[in-house]
Protein backbone atom coordinates (compact mmCIF):
# COMPACT_ATOMS: atom_id res chain seq x y z
CA ARG A 1 -51.28 29.29 -1.52
CA LYS A 2 -49.13 28.19 0.92
CA ARG A 3 -52.06 28.39 3.45
CA GLN A 4 -54.56 26.53 1.25
CA LEU A 5 -55.37 23.13 2.63
CA ALA A 6 -54.65 20.20 0.44
CA GLY A 7 -58.14 19.15 0.32
CA SER A 8 -59.19 21.91 -0.90
CA LEU A 9 -56.64 21.55 -4.15
CA SER A 10 -57.27 20.31 -7.67
CA GLY A 11 -56.65 16.36 -8.52
CA GLY A 12 -53.59 17.40 -9.83
CA GLU A 13 -52.52 19.56 -7.32
CA GLN A 14 -53.53 16.80 -4.84
CA GLN A 15 -51.85 13.85 -6.62
CA MET A 16 -48.89 16.14 -6.27
CA VAL A 17 -48.87 16.79 -2.70
CA ALA A 18 -49.44 12.93 -2.25
CA ILE A 19 -46.21 12.46 -3.82
CA GLY A 20 -44.48 14.82 -1.93
CA ARG A 21 -45.67 13.03 1.29
CA ALA A 22 -44.49 10.22 0.08
CA LEU A 23 -40.92 11.19 -0.65
CA MET A 24 -40.11 12.86 2.92
CA THR A 25 -39.96 9.77 4.30
CA THR A 26 -37.36 8.33 2.08
CA PRO A 27 -39.06 5.26 0.96
CA LYS A 28 -37.16 2.57 -1.10
CA LEU A 29 -40.31 1.33 -3.02
CA ILE A 30 -43.04 3.79 -3.84
CA LEU A 31 -46.47 2.08 -4.73
CA LEU A 32 -48.93 4.15 -7.07
CA ASP A 33 -52.24 3.21 -7.84
CA GLU A 34 -53.58 4.86 -11.26
CA PRO A 35 -51.59 8.42 -10.41
CA SER A 36 -53.16 10.00 -13.56
CA LEU A 37 -56.67 8.95 -12.86
CA GLY A 38 -59.54 12.10 -13.51
CA LEU A 39 -56.61 14.15 -14.17
CA SER A 40 -56.40 17.13 -16.77
CA PRO A 41 -54.20 15.98 -19.81
CA LYS A 42 -51.78 19.08 -18.56
CA PHE A 43 -51.81 17.15 -14.93
CA VAL A 44 -51.07 13.70 -16.25
CA THR A 45 -47.81 15.03 -18.50
CA LEU A 46 -46.36 17.11 -15.22
CA ILE A 47 -47.10 13.82 -13.04
CA PHE A 48 -45.42 11.54 -15.46
CA GLU A 49 -42.49 14.16 -15.69
CA LYS A 50 -42.01 13.90 -11.96
CA LEU A 51 -42.24 9.82 -11.99
CA GLN A 52 -39.37 10.23 -14.42
CA GLU A 53 -37.43 12.56 -12.18
CA MET A 54 -37.72 10.51 -9.35
CA GLN A 55 -36.72 7.57 -11.61
CA GLN A 56 -33.56 9.24 -12.68
CA ALA A 57 -32.70 10.05 -8.76
CA GLY A 58 -32.94 6.79 -8.08
CA TYR A 59 -36.45 5.85 -6.40
CA THR A 60 -38.21 2.37 -7.11
CA MET A 61 -41.43 2.48 -8.14
CA MET A 62 -44.32 0.18 -8.68
CA VAL A 63 -47.10 2.00 -11.05
CA VAL A 64 -50.14 0.68 -11.65
CA GLU A 65 -51.74 2.59 -14.56
CA GLN A 66 -54.34 2.40 -17.13
CA ASN A 67 -52.84 4.84 -19.02
CA ALA A 68 -50.44 2.25 -20.52
CA ALA A 69 -48.62 4.65 -23.14
CA LYS A 70 -47.57 7.10 -20.70
CA ALA A 71 -46.60 4.08 -18.38
CA LEU A 72 -44.53 2.28 -20.53
CA SER A 73 -42.92 5.34 -21.62
CA VAL A 74 -40.91 6.07 -17.74
CA ALA A 75 -41.00 2.67 -17.19
CA ASP A 76 -37.90 0.19 -16.77
CA ARG A 77 -40.24 -2.92 -16.66
CA GLY A 78 -43.64 -3.06 -17.41
CA TYR A 79 -45.96 -5.91 -17.11
CA VAL A 80 -49.21 -5.97 -18.62
CA LEU A 81 -51.99 -8.01 -16.89
CA GLU A 82 -54.84 -9.18 -18.37
CA LEU A 83 -58.11 -10.72 -16.34
CA GLY A 84 -55.12 -11.26 -13.59
CA GLN A 85 -52.84 -12.96 -15.56
CA ASN A 86 -49.51 -11.85 -16.84
CA ARG A 87 -49.79 -11.60 -20.63
CA PHE A 88 -46.79 -9.52 -21.27
CA GLU A 89 -43.50 -8.10 -19.45
CA GLY A 90 -40.28 -6.85 -20.85
CA THR A 91 -38.66 -3.27 -21.08
CA GLY A 92 -41.18 -0.39 -21.19
CA GLN A 93 -39.50 0.41 -24.69
CA ALA A 94 -39.48 -3.10 -25.39
CA LEU A 95 -43.61 -3.49 -24.78
CA LEU A 96 -44.16 -0.08 -26.71
CA ASP A 97 -42.39 -1.60 -29.63
CA ASP A 98 -44.31 -4.64 -29.27
CA PRO A 99 -46.69 -5.10 -32.38
CA GLU A 100 -49.30 -7.43 -30.34
CA VAL A 101 -49.24 -4.95 -27.25
CA LYS A 102 -49.91 -1.81 -29.77
CA ARG A 103 -52.54 -3.80 -31.27
CA LEU A 104 -54.33 -4.89 -28.37
CA TYR A 105 -53.61 -2.36 -25.81
CA LEU A 106 -52.20 0.90 -27.32
CA GLY A 107 -55.04 1.39 -29.96
CA GLY A 108 -52.16 0.76 -32.55
């Protein structure tokens, strides 16, 4: 596959290439907009595993993601926006545990 063009890869593989390209420049901040959008569950899991590895390696990331449970599970801090306003903020775990966040955004 090393000769395969990136544009012919699956969506998940293209996301991994994009993340790899971003890491090549040793950035101080990585911005990710919906990294799991349109991906199979297998690739969603893989993407978030890689994000967690990047976090543990010391990278700073800002992730905009509709899969709130996945994003908060790897987040040091989280912000829940509603209609452009900051509705909730806290550690990822605190937001996952918040009963109102669960009820309104996590289906619980």
